[in-house]
């Protein structure tokens, strides 16, 4: 499966700060609306083990084991995450960049 890394920064998650410092969505249907930084689509706080996936294929709560990363749970989704591609959360932008784009063996336990 193709894996990439992301963090909670605006560059990775599509948000920016307004002129008075409030984080808002940068584009899309929610453009300009307030953004809760570090909170996933499932409502959980993002941390090591948070995975963004195509939720039509891997529903929220599905558990995955990714070689070289460890265990994680699907708690987020992203606009570019489709099919056999997952995004792994890292605590810093630098660590997400170091992970880059890697093809990894992934074991999946689906939640229905």
PDB file of N, CA and C in Angstrom:
ATOM      1  N   UNK A   1       0.849  -1.170   0.000  1.00  0.00           N
ATOM      2  CA  UNK A   1       0.000   0.000   0.000  1.00  0.00           C
ATOM      3  C   UNK A   1       0.898   1.237   0.000  1.00  0.00           C
ATOM      4  N   UNK A   2       0.459   2.296  -0.669  1.00  0.00           N
ATOM      5  CA  UNK A   2       1.223   3.537  -0.682  1.00  0.00           C
ATOM      6  C   UNK A   2       0.954   4.295   0.616  1.00  0.00           C
ATOM      7  N   UNK A   3       2.018   4.738   1.270  1.00  0.00           N
ATOM      8  CA  UNK A   3       1.895   5.509   2.503  1.00  0.00           C
ATOM      9  C   UNK A   3       2.607   6.846   2.330  1.00  0.00           C
ATOM     10  N   UNK A   4       2.064   7.859   2.957  1.00  0.00           N
ATOM     11  CA  UNK A   4       2.693   9.174   3.011  1.00  0.00           C
ATOM     12  C   UNK A   4       2.580   9.679   4.438  1.00  0.00           C
ATOM     13  N   UNK A   5       3.318  10.718   4.759  1.00  0.00           N
ATOM     14  CA  UNK A   5       3.285  11.285   6.103  1.00  0.00           C
ATOM     15  C   UNK A   5       2.608  12.647   6.107  1.00  0.00           C
ATOM     16  N   UNK A   6       1.987  12.980   7.237  1.00  0.00           N
ATOM     17  CA  UNK A   6       1.420  14.316   7.413  1.00  0.00           C
ATOM     18  C   UNK A   6       1.519  14.729   8.873  1.00  0.00           C
ATOM     19  N   UNK A   7       1.388  16.017   9.121  1.00  0.00           N
ATOM     20  CA  UNK A   7       1.364  16.552  10.482  1.00  0.00           C
ATOM     21  C   UNK A   7       0.184  17.512  10.581  1.00  0.00           C
ATOM     22  N   UNK A   8       0.062  18.231  11.666  1.00  0.00           N
ATOM     23  CA  UNK A   8      -1.099  19.108  11.835  1.00  0.00           C
ATOM     24  C   UNK A   8      -0.887  20.521  11.291  1.00  0.00           C
ATOM     25  N   UNK A   9       0.212  20.744  10.579  1.00  0.00           N
ATOM     26  CA  UNK A   9       0.492  22.093  10.068  1.00  0.00           C
ATOM     27  C   UNK A   9      -0.456  22.462   8.929  1.00  0.00           C
ATOM     28  N   UNK A  10      -0.515  23.726   8.615  1.00  0.00           N
ATOM     29  CA  UNK A  10      -1.376  24.223   7.560  1.00  0.00           C
ATOM     30  C   UNK A  10      -1.001  23.709   6.186  1.00  0.00           C
ATOM     31  N   UNK A  11       0.284  23.496   5.967  1.00  0.00           N
ATOM     32  CA  UNK A  11       0.733  22.985   4.677  1.00  0.00           C
ATOM     33  C   UNK A  11       0.218  21.565   4.442  1.00  0.00           C
ATOM     34  N   UNK A  12       0.240  20.729   5.464  1.00  0.00           N
ATOM     35  CA  UNK A  12      -0.222  19.344   5.336  1.00  0.00           C
ATOM     36  C   UNK A  12      -1.749  19.231   5.367  1.00  0.00           C
ATOM     37  N   UNK A  13      -2.413  20.089   6.131  1.00  0.00           N
ATOM     38  CA  UNK A  13      -3.850  19.912   6.387  1.00  0.00           C
ATOM     39  C   UNK A  13      -4.745  20.977   5.763  1.00  0.00           C
ATOM     40  N   UNK A  14      -4.196  21.851   4.941  1.00  0.00           N
ATOM     41  CA  UNK A  14      -5.024  22.788   4.195  1.00  0.00           C
ATOM     42  C   UNK A  14      -5.690  23.886   4.994  1.00  0.00           C
ATOM     43  N   UNK A  15      -4.976  24.478   5.948  1.00  0.00           N
ATOM     44  CA  UNK A  15      -5.526  25.599   6.686  1.00  0.00           C
ATOM     45  C   UNK A  15      -4.521  26.738   6.694  1.00  0.00           C
ATOM     46  N   UNK A  16      -4.996  27.926   7.040  1.00  0.00           N
ATOM     47  CA  UNK A  16      -4.136  29.101   7.165  1.00  0.00           C
ATOM     48  C   UNK A  16      -4.658  29.947   8.315  1.00  0.00           C
ATOM     49  N   UNK A  17      -3.896  30.930   8.702  1.00  0.00           N
ATOM     50  CA  UNK A  17      -4.334  31.848   9.764  1.00  0.00           C
ATOM     51  C   UNK A  17      -4.856  33.136   9.126  1.00  0.00           C
ATOM     52  N   UNK A  18      -5.916  33.652   9.710  1.00  0.00           N
ATOM     53  CA  UNK A  18      -6.438  34.935   9.248  1.00  0.00           C
ATOM     54  C   UNK A  18      -5.503  36.035   9.747  1.00  0.00           C
ATOM     55  N   UNK A  19      -5.749  37.258   9.333  1.00  0.00           N
ATOM     56  CA  UNK A  19      -4.870  38.363   9.723  1.00  0.00           C
ATOM     57  C   UNK A  19      -4.832  38.578  11.232  1.00  0.00           C
ATOM     58  N   UNK A  20      -5.824  38.089  11.966  1.00  0.00           N
ATOM     59  CA  UNK A  20      -5.799  38.209  13.426  1.00  0.00           C
ATOM     60  C   UNK A  20      -5.479  36.891  14.121  1.00  0.00           C
ATOM     61  N   UNK A  21      -5.016  35.888  13.362  1.00  0.00           N
ATOM     62  CA  UNK A  21      -4.458  34.674  13.963  1.00  0.00           C
ATOM     63  C   UNK A  21      -5.362  33.470  14.076  1.00  0.00           C
ATOM     64  N   UNK A  22      -6.621  33.567  13.652  1.00  0.00           N
ATOM     65  CA  UNK A  22      -7.542  32.437  13.766  1.00  0.00           C
ATOM     66  C   UNK A  22      -7.313  31.452  12.612  1.00  0.00           C
ATOM     67  N   UNK A  23      -7.162  30.136  12.894  1.00  0.00           N
ATOM     68  CA  UNK A  23      -7.009  29.158  11.809  1.00  0.00           C
ATOM     69  C   UNK A  23      -8.333  28.920  11.086  1.00  0.00           C
ATOM     70  N   UNK A  24      -8.276  28.946   9.742  1.00  0.00           N
ATOM     71  CA  UNK A  24      -9.453  28.714   8.900  1.00  0.00           C
ATOM     72  C   UNK A  24      -9.066  27.791   7.750  1.00  0.00           C
ATOM     73  N   UNK A  25     -10.073  27.136   7.155  1.00  0.00           N
ATOM     74  CA  UNK A  25      -9.829  26.291   5.987  1.00  0.00           C
ATOM     75  C   UNK A  25      -9.370  27.156   4.826  1.00  0.00           C
ATOM     76  N   UNK A  26      -8.348  26.680   4.102  1.00  0.00           N
ATOM     77  CA  UNK A  26      -7.759  27.429   3.004  1.00  0.00           C
ATOM     78  C   UNK A  26      -8.575  27.335   1.717  1.00  0.00           C
ATOM     79  N   UNK A  27      -9.245  26.203   1.489  1.00  0.00           N
ATOM     80  CA  UNK A  27      -9.984  26.013   0.240  1.00  0.00           C
ATOM     81  C   UNK A  27     -11.117  25.012   0.448  1.00  0.00           C
ATOM     82  N   UNK A  28     -11.867  24.769  -0.620  1.00  0.00           N
ATOM     83  CA  UNK A  28     -12.946  23.791  -0.568  1.00  0.00           C
ATOM     84  C   UNK A  28     -14.248  24.375  -0.079  1.00  0.00           C
ATOM     85  N   UNK A  29     -15.190  23.510   0.206  1.00  0.00           N
ATOM     86  CA  UNK A  29     -16.531  23.919   0.623  1.00  0.00           C
ATOM     87  C   UNK A  29     -16.505  24.687   1.947  1.00  0.00           C
ATOM     88  N   UNK A  30     -15.515  24.420   2.790  1.00  0.00           N
ATOM     89  CA  UNK A  30     -15.430  25.085   4.097  1.00  0.00           C
ATOM     90  C   UNK A  30     -14.474  26.277   4.101  1.00  0.00           C
ATOM     91  N   UNK A  31     -14.068  26.733   2.936  1.00  0.00           N
ATOM     92  CA  UNK A  31     -13.098  27.832   2.825  1.00  0.00           C
ATOM     93  C   UNK A  31     -13.519  29.018   3.698  1.00  0.00           C
ATOM     94  N   UNK A  32     -12.583  29.480   4.527  1.00  0.00           N
ATOM     95  CA  UNK A  32     -12.830  30.610   5.406  1.00  0.00           C
ATOM     96  C   UNK A  32     -13.507  30.263   6.718  1.00  0.00           C
ATOM     97  N   UNK A  33     -14.017  29.045   6.851  1.00  0.00           N
ATOM     98  CA  UNK A  33     -14.658  28.618   8.097  1.00  0.00           C
ATOM     99  C   UNK A  33     -13.578  28.226   9.108  1.00  0.00           C
ATOM    100  N   UNK A  34     -13.908  28.368  10.360  1.00  0.00           N
ATOM    101  CA  UNK A  34     -12.963  28.065  11.431  1.00  0.00           C
ATOM    102  C   UNK A  34     -12.509  26.605  11.392  1.00  0.00           C
ATOM    103  N   UNK A  35     -11.218  26.363  11.644  1.00  0.00           N
ATOM    104  CA  UNK A  35     -10.612  25.024  11.631  1.00  0.00           C
ATOM    105  C   UNK A  35     -10.070  24.712  13.012  1.00  0.00           C
ATOM    106  N   UNK A  36     -10.412  23.547  13.536  1.00  0.00           N
ATOM    107  CA  UNK A  36      -9.834  23.085  14.805  1.00  0.00           C
ATOM    108  C   UNK A  36      -8.553  22.334  14.469  1.00  0.00           C
ATOM    109  N   UNK A  37      -7.422  22.933  14.733  1.00  0.00           N
ATOM    110  CA  UNK A  37      -6.119  22.361  14.387  1.00  0.00           C
ATOM    111  C   UNK A  37      -5.822  21.160  15.284  1.00  0.00           C
ATOM    112  N   UNK A  38      -5.410  20.046  14.655  1.00  0.00           N
ATOM    113  CA  UNK A  38      -5.040  18.855  15.409  1.00  0.00           C
ATOM    114  C   UNK A  38      -6.202  17.947  15.751  1.00  0.00           C
ATOM    115  N   UNK A  39      -7.402  18.258  15.270  1.00  0.00           N
ATOM    116  CA  UNK A  39      -8.578  17.424  15.512  1.00  0.00           C
ATOM    117  C   UNK A  39      -8.921  16.711  14.211  1.00  0.00           C
ATOM    118  N   UNK A  40      -9.124  15.409  14.272  1.00  0.00           N
ATOM    119  CA  UNK A  40      -9.381  14.605  13.077  1.00  0.00           C
ATOM    120  C   UNK A  40     -10.846  14.692  12.650  1.00  0.00           C
ATOM    121  N   UNK A  41     -11.133  14.142  11.477  1.00  0.00           N
ATOM    122  CA  UNK A  41     -12.506  14.105  10.970  1.00  0.00           C
ATOM    123  C   UNK A  41     -13.417  13.289  11.889  1.00  0.00           C
ATOM    124  N   UNK A  42     -12.854  12.325  12.616  1.00  0.00           N
ATOM    125  CA  UNK A  42     -13.635  11.512  13.546  1.00  0.00           C
ATOM    126  C   UNK A  42     -13.810  12.200  14.899  1.00  0.00           C
ATOM    127  N   UNK A  43     -13.148  13.363  15.073  1.00  0.00           N
ATOM    128  CA  UNK A  43     -13.290  14.115  16.318  1.00  0.00           C
ATOM    129  C   UNK A  43     -12.233  13.825  17.361  1.00  0.00           C
ATOM    130  N   UNK A  44     -11.250  12.994  17.039  1.00  0.00           N
ATOM    131  CA  UNK A  44     -10.184  12.652  17.980  1.00  0.00           C
ATOM    132  C   UNK A  44      -9.007  13.619  17.823  1.00  0.00           C
ATOM    133  N   UNK A  45      -8.185  13.723  18.857  1.00  0.00           N
ATOM    134  CA  UNK A  45      -6.961  14.520  18.760  1.00  0.00           C
ATOM    135  C   UNK A  45      -5.928  13.689  18.007  1.00  0.00           C
ATOM    136  N   UNK A  46      -5.319  14.285  16.990  1.00  0.00           N
ATOM    137  CA  UNK A  46      -4.319  13.583  16.182  1.00  0.00           C
ATOM    138  C   UNK A  46      -3.049  13.346  16.985  1.00  0.00           C
ATOM    139  N   UNK A  47      -2.480  12.172  16.831  1.00  0.00           N
ATOM    140  CA  UNK A  47      -1.232  11.808  17.492  1.00  0.00           C
ATOM    141  C   UNK A  47      -0.629  10.618  16.768  1.00  0.00           C
ATOM    142  N   UNK A  48       0.537  10.168  17.238  1.00  0.00           N
ATOM    143  CA  UNK A  48       1.167   9.011  16.596  1.00  0.00           C
ATOM    144  C   UNK A  48       0.165   7.861  16.577  1.00  0.00           C
ATOM    145  N   UNK A  49       0.003   7.270  15.410  1.00  0.00           N
ATOM    146  CA  UNK A  49      -0.963   6.185  15.252  1.00  0.00           C
ATOM    147  C   UNK A  49      -2.248   6.624  14.572  1.00  0.00           C
ATOM    148  N   UNK A  50      -2.400   7.928  14.352  1.00  0.00           N
ATOM    149  CA  UNK A  50      -3.568   8.416  13.615  1.00  0.00           C
ATOM    150  C   UNK A  50      -3.324   8.193  12.128  1.00  0.00           C
ATOM    151  N   UNK A  51      -4.303   7.600  11.456  1.00  0.00           N
ATOM    152  CA  UNK A  51      -4.182   7.314  10.027  1.00  0.00           C
ATOM    153  C   UNK A  51      -5.323   7.990   9.282  1.00  0.00           C
ATOM    154  N   UNK A  52      -4.987   8.644   8.172  1.00  0.00           N
ATOM    155  CA  UNK A  52      -5.994   9.183   7.260  1.00  0.00           C
ATOM    156  C   UNK A  52      -6.117   8.198   6.107  1.00  0.00           C
ATOM    157  N   UNK A  53      -7.348   7.806   5.795  1.00  0.00           N
ATOM    158  CA  UNK A  53      -7.588   6.811   4.752  1.00  0.00           C
ATOM    159  C   UNK A  53      -8.870   7.147   3.998  1.00  0.00           C
ATOM    160  N   UNK A  54      -9.087   6.437   2.912  1.00  0.00           N
ATOM    161  CA  UNK A  54     -10.331   6.524   2.156  1.00  0.00           C
ATOM    162  C   UNK A  54     -11.373   5.776   2.984  1.00  0.00           C
ATOM    163  N   UNK A  55     -12.276   6.526   3.638  1.00  0.00           N
ATOM    164  CA  UNK A  55     -13.210   5.890   4.577  1.00  0.00           C
ATOM    165  C   UNK A  55     -14.305   5.076   3.882  1.00  0.00           C
ATOM    166  N   UNK A  56     -14.414   5.177   2.572  1.00  0.00           N
ATOM    167  CA  UNK A  56     -15.346   4.288   1.872  1.00  0.00           C
ATOM    168  C   UNK A  56     -14.751   2.882   1.773  1.00  0.00           C
ATOM    169  N   UNK A  57     -13.455   2.791   1.893  1.00  0.00           N
ATOM    170  CA  UNK A  57     -12.754   1.508   1.830  1.00  0.00           C
ATOM    171  C   UNK A  57     -12.338   1.024   3.230  1.00  0.00           C
ATOM    172  N   UNK A  58     -11.860   1.943   4.065  1.00  0.00           N
ATOM    173  CA  UNK A  58     -11.420   1.629   5.431  1.00  0.00           C
ATOM    174  C   UNK A  58     -12.173   2.554   6.387  1.00  0.00           C
ATOM    175  N   UNK A  59     -13.254   2.079   7.009  1.00  0.00           N
ATOM    176  CA  UNK A  59     -14.061   2.946   7.878  1.00  0.00           C
ATOM    177  C   UNK A  59     -13.304   3.399   9.123  1.00  0.00           C
ATOM    178  N   UNK A  60     -13.791   4.511   9.716  1.00  0.00           N
ATOM    179  CA  UNK A  60     -13.210   5.002  10.965  1.00  0.00           C
ATOM    180  C   UNK A  60     -13.160   3.862  11.972  1.00  0.00           C
ATOM    181  N   UNK A  61     -12.070   3.763  12.704  1.00  0.00           N
ATOM    182  CA  UNK A  61     -11.903   2.727  13.718  1.00  0.00           C
ATOM    183  C   UNK A  61     -11.137   1.517  13.233  1.00  0.00           C
ATOM    184  N   UNK A  62     -10.950   1.377  11.919  1.00  0.00           N
ATOM    185  CA  UNK A  62     -10.174   0.241  11.404  1.00  0.00           C
ATOM    186  C   UNK A  62      -8.739   0.327  11.923  1.00  0.00           C
ATOM    187  N   UNK A  63      -8.192  -0.815  12.294  1.00  0.00           N
ATOM    188  CA  UNK A  63      -6.830  -0.886  12.823  1.00  0.00           C
ATOM    189  C   UNK A  63      -5.898  -1.358  11.716  1.00  0.00           C
ATOM    190  N   UNK A  64      -4.706  -0.753  11.669  1.00  0.00           N
ATOM    191  CA  UNK A  64      -3.712  -1.140  10.669  1.00  0.00           C
ATOM    192  C   UNK A  64      -2.347  -1.289  11.331  1.00  0.00           C
ATOM    193  N   UNK A  65      -1.573  -2.228  10.788  1.00  0.00           N
ATOM    194  CA  UNK A  65      -0.171  -2.343  11.193  1.00  0.00           C
ATOM    195  C   UNK A  65       0.669  -2.047   9.960  1.00  0.00           C
ATOM    196  N   UNK A  66       1.511  -1.021  10.049  1.00  0.00           N
ATOM    197  CA  UNK A  66       2.345  -0.598   8.938  1.00  0.00           C
ATOM    198  C   UNK A  66       3.790  -0.875   9.314  1.00  0.00           C
ATOM    199  N   UNK A  67       4.493  -1.667   8.495  1.00  0.00           N
ATOM    200  CA  UNK A  67       5.894  -1.967   8.803  1.00  0.00           C
ATOM    201  C   UNK A  67       6.703  -0.672   8.827  1.00  0.00           C
ATOM    202  N   UNK A  68       7.523  -0.529   9.852  1.00  0.00           N
ATOM    203  CA  UNK A  68       8.352   0.658   9.999  1.00  0.00           C
ATOM    204  C   UNK A  68       7.677   1.814  10.709  1.00  0.00           C
ATOM    205  N   UNK A  69       6.369   1.729  10.939  1.00  0.00           N
ATOM    206  CA  UNK A  69       5.611   2.780  11.633  1.00  0.00           C
ATOM    207  C   UNK A  69       4.952   2.226  12.886  1.00  0.00           C
ATOM    208  N   UNK A  70       4.334   1.054  12.764  1.00  0.00           N
ATOM    209  CA  UNK A  70       3.651   0.431  13.893  1.00  0.00           C
ATOM    210  C   UNK A  70       2.154   0.386  13.689  1.00  0.00           C
ATOM    211  N   UNK A  71       1.421   0.284  14.802  1.00  0.00           N
ATOM    212  CA  UNK A  71      -0.032   0.199  14.755  1.00  0.00           C
ATOM    213  C   UNK A  71      -0.653   1.586  14.680  1.00  0.00           C
ATOM    214  N   UNK A  72      -1.813   1.643  14.038  1.00  0.00           N
ATOM    215  CA  UNK A  72      -2.562   2.888  13.963  1.00  0.00           C
ATOM    216  C   UNK A  72      -4.031   2.601  13.761  1.00  0.00           C
ATOM    217  N   UNK A  73      -4.823   3.665  13.884  1.00  0.00           N
ATOM    218  CA  UNK A  73      -6.270   3.563  13.731  1.00  0.00           C
ATOM    219  C   UNK A  73      -6.712   4.630  12.726  1.00  0.00           C
ATOM    220  N   UNK A  74      -7.636   4.258  11.852  1.00  0.00           N
ATOM    221  CA  UNK A  74      -8.179   5.210  10.887  1.00  0.00           C
ATOM    222  C   UNK A  74      -9.097   6.170  11.632  1.00  0.00           C
ATOM    223  N   UNK A  75      -8.697   7.447  11.699  1.00  0.00           N
ATOM    224  CA  UNK A  75      -9.477   8.473  12.390  1.00  0.00           C
ATOM    225  C   UNK A  75      -9.605   9.746  11.570  1.00  0.00           C
ATOM    226  N   UNK A  76      -9.063   9.728  10.354  1.00  0.00           N
ATOM    227  CA  UNK A  76      -9.058  10.941   9.545  1.00  0.00           C
ATOM    228  C   UNK A  76      -9.195  10.574   8.079  1.00  0.00           C
ATOM    229  N   UNK A  77      -9.465  11.575   7.262  1.00  0.00           N
ATOM    230  CA  UNK A  77      -9.510  11.386   5.812  1.00  0.00           C
ATOM    231  C   UNK A  77      -8.954  12.657   5.183  1.00  0.00           C
ATOM    232  N   UNK A  78      -8.572  12.553   3.928  1.00  0.00           N
ATOM    233  CA  UNK A  78      -8.029  13.713   3.233  1.00  0.00           C
ATOM    234  C   UNK A  78      -8.505  13.734   1.799  1.00  0.00           C
ATOM    235  N   UNK A  79      -8.477  14.899   1.196  1.00  0.00           N
ATOM    236  CA  UNK A  79      -8.953  15.050  -0.165  1.00  0.00           C
ATOM    237  C   UNK A  79      -8.182  14.226  -1.186  1.00  0.00           C
ATOM    238  N   UNK A  80      -6.880  14.027  -0.948  1.00  0.00           N
ATOM    239  CA  UNK A  80      -6.044  13.291  -1.902  1.00  0.00           C
ATOM    240  C   UNK A  80      -5.889  11.816  -1.527  1.00  0.00           C
ATOM    241  N   UNK A  81      -6.529  11.379  -0.462  1.00  0.00           N
ATOM    242  CA  UNK A  81      -6.389  10.000   0.003  1.00  0.00           C
ATOM    243  C   UNK A  81      -7.507   9.164  -0.613  1.00  0.00           C
ATOM    244  N   UNK A  82      -7.160   8.384  -1.624  1.00  0.00           N
ATOM    245  CA  UNK A  82      -8.136   7.560  -2.336  1.00  0.00           C
ATOM    246  C   UNK A  82      -7.601   6.141  -2.504  1.00  0.00           C
ATOM    247  N   UNK A  83      -8.470   5.145  -2.368  1.00  0.00           N
ATOM    248  CA  UNK A  83      -8.113   3.758  -2.624  1.00  0.00           C
ATOM    249  C   UNK A  83      -7.041   3.216  -1.695  1.00  0.00           C
ATOM    250  N   UNK A  84      -6.042   2.598  -2.279  1.00  0.00           N
ATOM    251  CA  UNK A  84      -4.964   1.935  -1.522  1.00  0.00           C
ATOM    252  C   UNK A  84      -3.845   2.913  -1.167  1.00  0.00           C
ATOM    253  N   UNK A  85      -4.207   4.005  -0.508  1.00  0.00           N
ATOM    254  CA  UNK A  85      -3.256   5.028  -0.086  1.00  0.00           C
ATOM    255  C   UNK A  85      -3.663   5.481   1.309  1.00  0.00           C
ATOM    256  N   UNK A  86      -2.709   5.524   2.233  1.00  0.00           N
ATOM    257  CA  UNK A  86      -2.992   6.024   3.577  1.00  0.00           C
ATOM    258  C   UNK A  86      -1.973   7.095   3.936  1.00  0.00           C
ATOM    259  N   UNK A  87      -2.366   7.968   4.842  1.00  0.00           N
ATOM    260  CA  UNK A  87      -1.527   9.054   5.329  1.00  0.00           C
ATOM    261  C   UNK A  87      -1.283   8.812   6.813  1.00  0.00           C
ATOM    262  N   UNK A  88      -0.024   8.795   7.234  1.00  0.00           N
ATOM    263  CA  UNK A  88       0.348   8.499   8.616  1.00  0.00           C
ATOM    264  C   UNK A  88       0.713   9.781   9.342  1.00  0.00           C
ATOM    265  N   UNK A  89       0.204   9.957  10.555  1.00  0.00           N
ATOM    266  CA  UNK A  89       0.463  11.177  11.317  1.00  0.00           C
ATOM    267  C   UNK A  89       1.839  11.144  11.956  1.00  0.00           C
ATOM    268  N   UNK A  90       2.532  12.280  11.886  1.00  0.00           N
ATOM    269  CA  UNK A  90       3.813  12.483  12.563  1.00  0.00           C
ATOM    270  C   UNK A  90       3.730  13.766  13.373  1.00  0.00           C
ATOM    271  N   UNK A  91       4.487  13.846  14.450  1.00  0.00           N
ATOM    272  CA  UNK A  91       4.452  14.992  15.357  1.00  0.00           C
ATOM    273  C   UNK A  91       5.051  16.265  14.805  1.00  0.00           C
ATOM    274  N   UNK A  92       5.845  16.169  13.755  1.00  0.00           N
ATOM    275  CA  UNK A  92       6.440  17.374  13.167  1.00  0.00           C
ATOM    276  C   UNK A  92       6.422  17.270  11.649  1.00  0.00           C
ATOM    277  N   UNK A  93       6.465  18.431  11.015  1.00  0.00           N
ATOM    278  CA  UNK A  93       6.473  18.472   9.559  1.00  0.00           C
ATOM    279  C   UNK A  93       7.751  17.829   9.018  1.00  0.00           C
ATOM    280  N   UNK A  94       8.858  18.042   9.695  1.00  0.00           N
ATOM    281  CA  UNK A  94      10.135  17.470   9.258  1.00  0.00           C
ATOM    282  C   UNK A  94      10.085  15.943   9.243  1.00  0.00           C
ATOM    283  N   UNK A  95       9.517  15.342  10.285  1.00  0.00           N
ATOM    284  CA  UNK A  95       9.429  13.877  10.324  1.00  0.00           C
ATOM    285  C   UNK A  95       8.491  13.341   9.251  1.00  0.00           C
ATOM    286  N   UNK A  96       7.413  14.078   8.957  1.00  0.00           N
ATOM    287  CA  UNK A  96       6.504  13.674   7.874  1.00  0.00           C
ATOM    288  C   UNK A  96       7.239  13.727   6.535  1.00  0.00           C
ATOM    289  N   UNK A  97       8.040  14.765   6.319  1.00  0.00           N
ATOM    290  CA  UNK A  97       8.820  14.872   5.079  1.00  0.00           C
ATOM    291  C   UNK A  97       9.857  13.759   4.977  1.00  0.00           C
ATOM    292  N   UNK A  98      10.492  13.414   6.103  1.00  0.00           N
ATOM    293  CA  UNK A  98      11.488  12.339   6.104  1.00  0.00           C
ATOM    294  C   UNK A  98      10.848  11.009   5.723  1.00  0.00           C
ATOM    295  N   UNK A  99       9.609  10.764   6.171  1.00  0.00           N
ATOM    296  CA  UNK A  99       8.903   9.534   5.795  1.00  0.00           C
ATOM    297  C   UNK A  99       8.661   9.547   4.293  1.00  0.00           C
ATOM    298  N   UNK A 100       8.222  10.686   3.783  1.00  0.00           N
ATOM    299  CA  UNK A 100       8.006  10.836   2.348  1.00  0.00           C
ATOM    300  C   UNK A 100       6.874   9.977   1.826  1.00  0.00           C
ATOM    301  N   UNK A 101       7.133   9.302   0.722  1.00  0.00           N
ATOM    302  CA  UNK A 101       6.153   8.444   0.052  1.00  0.00           C
ATOM    303  C   UNK A 101       6.783   7.060  -0.032  1.00  0.00           C
ATOM    304  N   UNK A 102       6.206   6.096   0.657  1.00  0.00           N
ATOM    305  CA  UNK A 102       6.773   4.742   0.695  1.00  0.00           C
ATOM    306  C   UNK A 102       5.697   3.700   0.447  1.00  0.00           C
ATOM    307  N   UNK A 103       6.057   2.679  -0.297  1.00  0.00           N
ATOM    308  CA  UNK A 103       5.167   1.532  -0.477  1.00  0.00           C
ATOM    309  C   UNK A 103       5.494   0.551   0.653  1.00  0.00           C
ATOM    310  N   UNK A 104       4.489   0.213   1.469  1.00  0.00           N
ATOM    311  CA  UNK A 104       4.687  -0.639   2.637  1.00  0.00           C
ATOM    312  C   UNK A 104       3.657  -1.759   2.674  1.00  0.00           C
ATOM    313  N   UNK A 105       4.032  -2.850   3.335  1.00  0.00           N
ATOM    314  CA  UNK A 105       3.093  -3.930   3.616  1.00  0.00           C
ATOM    315  C   UNK A 105       2.245  -3.486   4.804  1.00  0.00           C
ATOM    316  N   UNK A 106       0.925  -3.591   4.669  1.00  0.00           N
ATOM    317  CA  UNK A 106       0.007  -3.142   5.709  1.00  0.00           C
ATOM    318  C   UNK A 106      -0.977  -4.272   6.024  1.00  0.00           C
ATOM    319  N   UNK A 107      -1.112  -4.587   7.313  1.00  0.00           N
ATOM    320  CA  UNK A 107      -2.140  -5.531   7.765  1.00  0.00           C
ATOM    321  C   UNK A 107      -3.324  -4.711   8.256  1.00  0.00           C
ATOM    322  N   UNK A 108      -4.525  -5.131   7.865  1.00  0.00           N
ATOM    323  CA  UNK A 108      -5.727  -4.344   8.156  1.00  0.00           C
ATOM    324  C   UNK A 108      -6.756  -5.190   8.892  1.00  0.00           C
ATOM    325  N   UNK A 109      -7.330  -4.608   9.955  1.00  0.00           N
ATOM    326  CA  UNK A 109      -8.455  -5.192  10.672  1.00  0.00           C
ATOM    327  C   UNK A 109      -9.597  -4.199  10.534  1.00  0.00           C
ATOM    328  N   UNK A 110     -10.576  -4.525   9.693  1.00  0.00           N
ATOM    329  CA  UNK A 110     -11.694  -3.619   9.417  1.00  0.00           C
ATOM    330  C   UNK A 110     -12.713  -3.639  10.527  1.00  0.00           C
ATOM    331  N   UNK A 111     -13.322  -2.490  10.757  1.00  0.00           N
ATOM    332  CA  UNK A 111     -14.430  -2.353  11.694  1.00  0.00           C
ATOM    333  C   UNK A 111     -15.675  -2.144  10.852  1.00  0.00           C
ATOM    334  N   UNK A 112     -16.696  -2.878  11.095  1.00  0.00           N
ATOM    335  CA  UNK A 112     -17.936  -2.747  10.305  1.00  0.00           C
ATOM    336  C   UNK A 112     -19.043  -2.189  11.139  1.00  0.00           C
TER     337      UNK A 112
END
